[in-house]
């Protein structure tokens, strides 16, 4: 007697899918400024990560909390990566 798997059978339309929230922190030091001092930029934000089989799609927004004149206040990013192809 064959037992039916609990997690589903891929041949019948079951697709492994995961959605995860992301908490983001970015700290960068910029050296070699005209006056010789170094400056630190700090940004925090959030996003989502969607994983389908081997493809990972990430989208998020980082808001700059420590900036200098002329810097953007935030940035949206999108990233698509593939893992375990072979």
C-alpha atoms as a PDB file:
ATOM      1  CA  UNK A   1       0.000   0.000   0.000  1.00  0.00           C
ATOM      2  CA  UNK A   2       1.447   3.369  -1.040  1.00  0.00           C
ATOM      3  CA  UNK A   3       1.201   6.311   1.326  1.00  0.00           C
ATOM      4  CA  UNK A   4       0.448   9.760   0.002  1.00  0.00           C
ATOM      5  CA  UNK A   5       3.115  12.325   1.003  1.00  0.00           C
ATOM      6  CA  UNK A   6       2.005  15.027   3.433  1.00  0.00           C
ATOM      7  CA  UNK A   7       3.712  17.915   1.599  1.00  0.00           C
ATOM      8  CA  UNK A   8       2.082  17.290  -1.774  1.00  0.00           C
ATOM      9  CA  UNK A   9       3.203  15.793  -5.047  1.00  0.00           C
ATOM     10  CA  UNK A  10       5.067  18.090  -7.497  1.00  0.00           C
ATOM     11  CA  UNK A  11       3.638  16.241 -10.484  1.00  0.00           C
ATOM     12  CA  UNK A  12       0.154  17.446  -9.528  1.00  0.00           C
ATOM     13  CA  UNK A  13       0.822  21.190  -9.504  1.00  0.00           C
ATOM     14  CA  UNK A  14       2.469  21.666  -6.096  1.00  0.00           C
ATOM     15  CA  UNK A  15       5.000  24.532  -6.268  1.00  0.00           C
ATOM     16  CA  UNK A  16       7.464  25.213  -3.433  1.00  0.00           C
ATOM     17  CA  UNK A  17       7.003  28.889  -2.587  1.00  0.00           C
ATOM     18  CA  UNK A  18       8.237  31.006   0.321  1.00  0.00           C
ATOM     19  CA  UNK A  19       7.580  34.652   1.143  1.00  0.00           C
ATOM     20  CA  UNK A  20       9.742  36.251   3.841  1.00  0.00           C
ATOM     21  CA  UNK A  21       9.981  39.764   5.263  1.00  0.00           C
ATOM     22  CA  UNK A  22      13.445  41.393   5.259  1.00  0.00           C
ATOM     23  CA  UNK A  23      14.893  43.934   7.690  1.00  0.00           C
ATOM     24  CA  UNK A  24      17.722  45.910   6.067  1.00  0.00           C
ATOM     25  CA  UNK A  25      20.640  47.944   7.426  1.00  0.00           C
ATOM     26  CA  UNK A  26      23.317  49.556   5.258  1.00  0.00           C
ATOM     27  CA  UNK A  27      26.379  51.369   6.621  1.00  0.00           C
ATOM     28  CA  UNK A  28      28.995  52.817   4.276  1.00  0.00           C
ATOM     29  CA  UNK A  29      32.095  54.875   4.899  1.00  0.00           C
ATOM     30  CA  UNK A  30      33.179  57.219   2.142  1.00  0.00           C
ATOM     31  CA  UNK A  31      36.844  58.180   2.341  1.00  0.00           C
ATOM     32  CA  UNK A  32      38.908  60.535   0.231  1.00  0.00           C
ATOM     33  CA  UNK A  33      36.514  63.479   0.468  1.00  0.00           C
ATOM     34  CA  UNK A  34      37.933  66.849  -0.612  1.00  0.00           C
ATOM     35  CA  UNK A  35      38.753  67.926   2.962  1.00  0.00           C
ATOM     36  CA  UNK A  36      40.394  64.582   3.835  1.00  0.00           C
ATOM     37  CA  UNK A  37      37.784  63.514   6.385  1.00  0.00           C
ATOM     38  CA  UNK A  38      35.735  60.348   6.023  1.00  0.00           C
ATOM     39  CA  UNK A  39      31.965  60.332   6.111  1.00  0.00           C
ATOM     40  CA  UNK A  40      29.602  57.585   7.188  1.00  0.00           C
ATOM     41  CA  UNK A  41      26.187  57.024   5.613  1.00  0.00           C
ATOM     42  CA  UNK A  42      23.526  54.926   7.371  1.00  0.00           C
ATOM     43  CA  UNK A  43      20.264  53.620   5.905  1.00  0.00           C
ATOM     44  CA  UNK A  44      17.542  51.330   7.278  1.00  0.00           C
ATOM     45  CA  UNK A  45      14.569  49.772   5.582  1.00  0.00           C
ATOM     46  CA  UNK A  46      12.501  46.743   4.830  1.00  0.00           C
ATOM     47  CA  UNK A  47      11.487  44.495   2.011  1.00  0.00           C
ATOM     48  CA  UNK A  48      10.182  41.140   0.846  1.00  0.00           C
ATOM     49  CA  UNK A  49      11.888  38.030  -0.449  1.00  0.00           C
ATOM     50  CA  UNK A  50       9.960  35.626  -2.689  1.00  0.00           C
ATOM     51  CA  UNK A  51      11.524  32.224  -3.375  1.00  0.00           C
ATOM     52  CA  UNK A  52      10.137  29.906  -6.048  1.00  0.00           C
ATOM     53  CA  UNK A  53      12.097  26.658  -6.512  1.00  0.00           C
ATOM     54  CA  UNK A  54      15.576  28.016  -7.449  1.00  0.00           C
ATOM     55  CA  UNK A  55      14.705  31.663  -8.175  1.00  0.00           C
ATOM     56  CA  UNK A  56      14.892  34.265  -5.415  1.00  0.00           C
ATOM     57  CA  UNK A  57      13.297  37.688  -5.992  1.00  0.00           C
ATOM     58  CA  UNK A  58      13.927  40.491  -3.507  1.00  0.00           C
ATOM     59  CA  UNK A  59      12.462  43.977  -3.373  1.00  0.00           C
ATOM     60  CA  UNK A  60      12.910  46.613  -0.712  1.00  0.00           C
ATOM     61  CA  UNK A  61      13.349  50.241   0.214  1.00  0.00           C
ATOM     62  CA  UNK A  62      16.185  51.794   2.227  1.00  0.00           C
ATOM     63  CA  UNK A  63      15.667  55.174   3.915  1.00  0.00           C
ATOM     64  CA  UNK A  64      18.795  57.212   4.650  1.00  0.00           C
ATOM     65  CA  UNK A  65      18.934  58.240   8.316  1.00  0.00           C
ATOM     66  CA  UNK A  66      22.422  59.773   8.208  1.00  0.00           C
ATOM     67  CA  UNK A  67      23.120  61.730   5.035  1.00  0.00           C
ATOM     68  CA  UNK A  68      24.984  64.745   3.668  1.00  0.00           C
ATOM     69  CA  UNK A  69      23.832  67.593   1.478  1.00  0.00           C
ATOM     70  CA  UNK A  70      23.071  66.392  -2.029  1.00  0.00           C
ATOM     71  CA  UNK A  71      22.457  62.737  -1.045  1.00  0.00           C
ATOM     72  CA  UNK A  72      19.239  60.913  -1.914  1.00  0.00           C
ATOM     73  CA  UNK A  73      16.885  60.302   1.016  1.00  0.00           C
ATOM     74  CA  UNK A  74      16.122  56.730   0.002  1.00  0.00           C
ATOM     75  CA  UNK A  75      16.399  54.076  -2.671  1.00  0.00           C
ATOM     76  CA  UNK A  76      14.267  51.258  -3.989  1.00  0.00           C
ATOM     77  CA  UNK A  77      16.083  48.084  -5.011  1.00  0.00           C
ATOM     78  CA  UNK A  78      15.148  44.900  -6.869  1.00  0.00           C
ATOM     79  CA  UNK A  79      17.288  41.761  -7.126  1.00  0.00           C
ATOM     80  CA  UNK A  80      16.795  38.403  -8.861  1.00  0.00           C
ATOM     81  CA  UNK A  81      19.173  35.517  -8.115  1.00  0.00           C
ATOM     82  CA  UNK A  82      19.252  31.823  -8.965  1.00  0.00           C
ATOM     83  CA  UNK A  83      20.635  29.175  -6.627  1.00  0.00           C
ATOM     84  CA  UNK A  84      21.509  25.478  -6.947  1.00  0.00           C
ATOM     85  CA  UNK A  85      21.154  25.333 -10.717  1.00  0.00           C
ATOM     86  CA  UNK A  86      23.414  22.293 -11.130  1.00  0.00           C
END
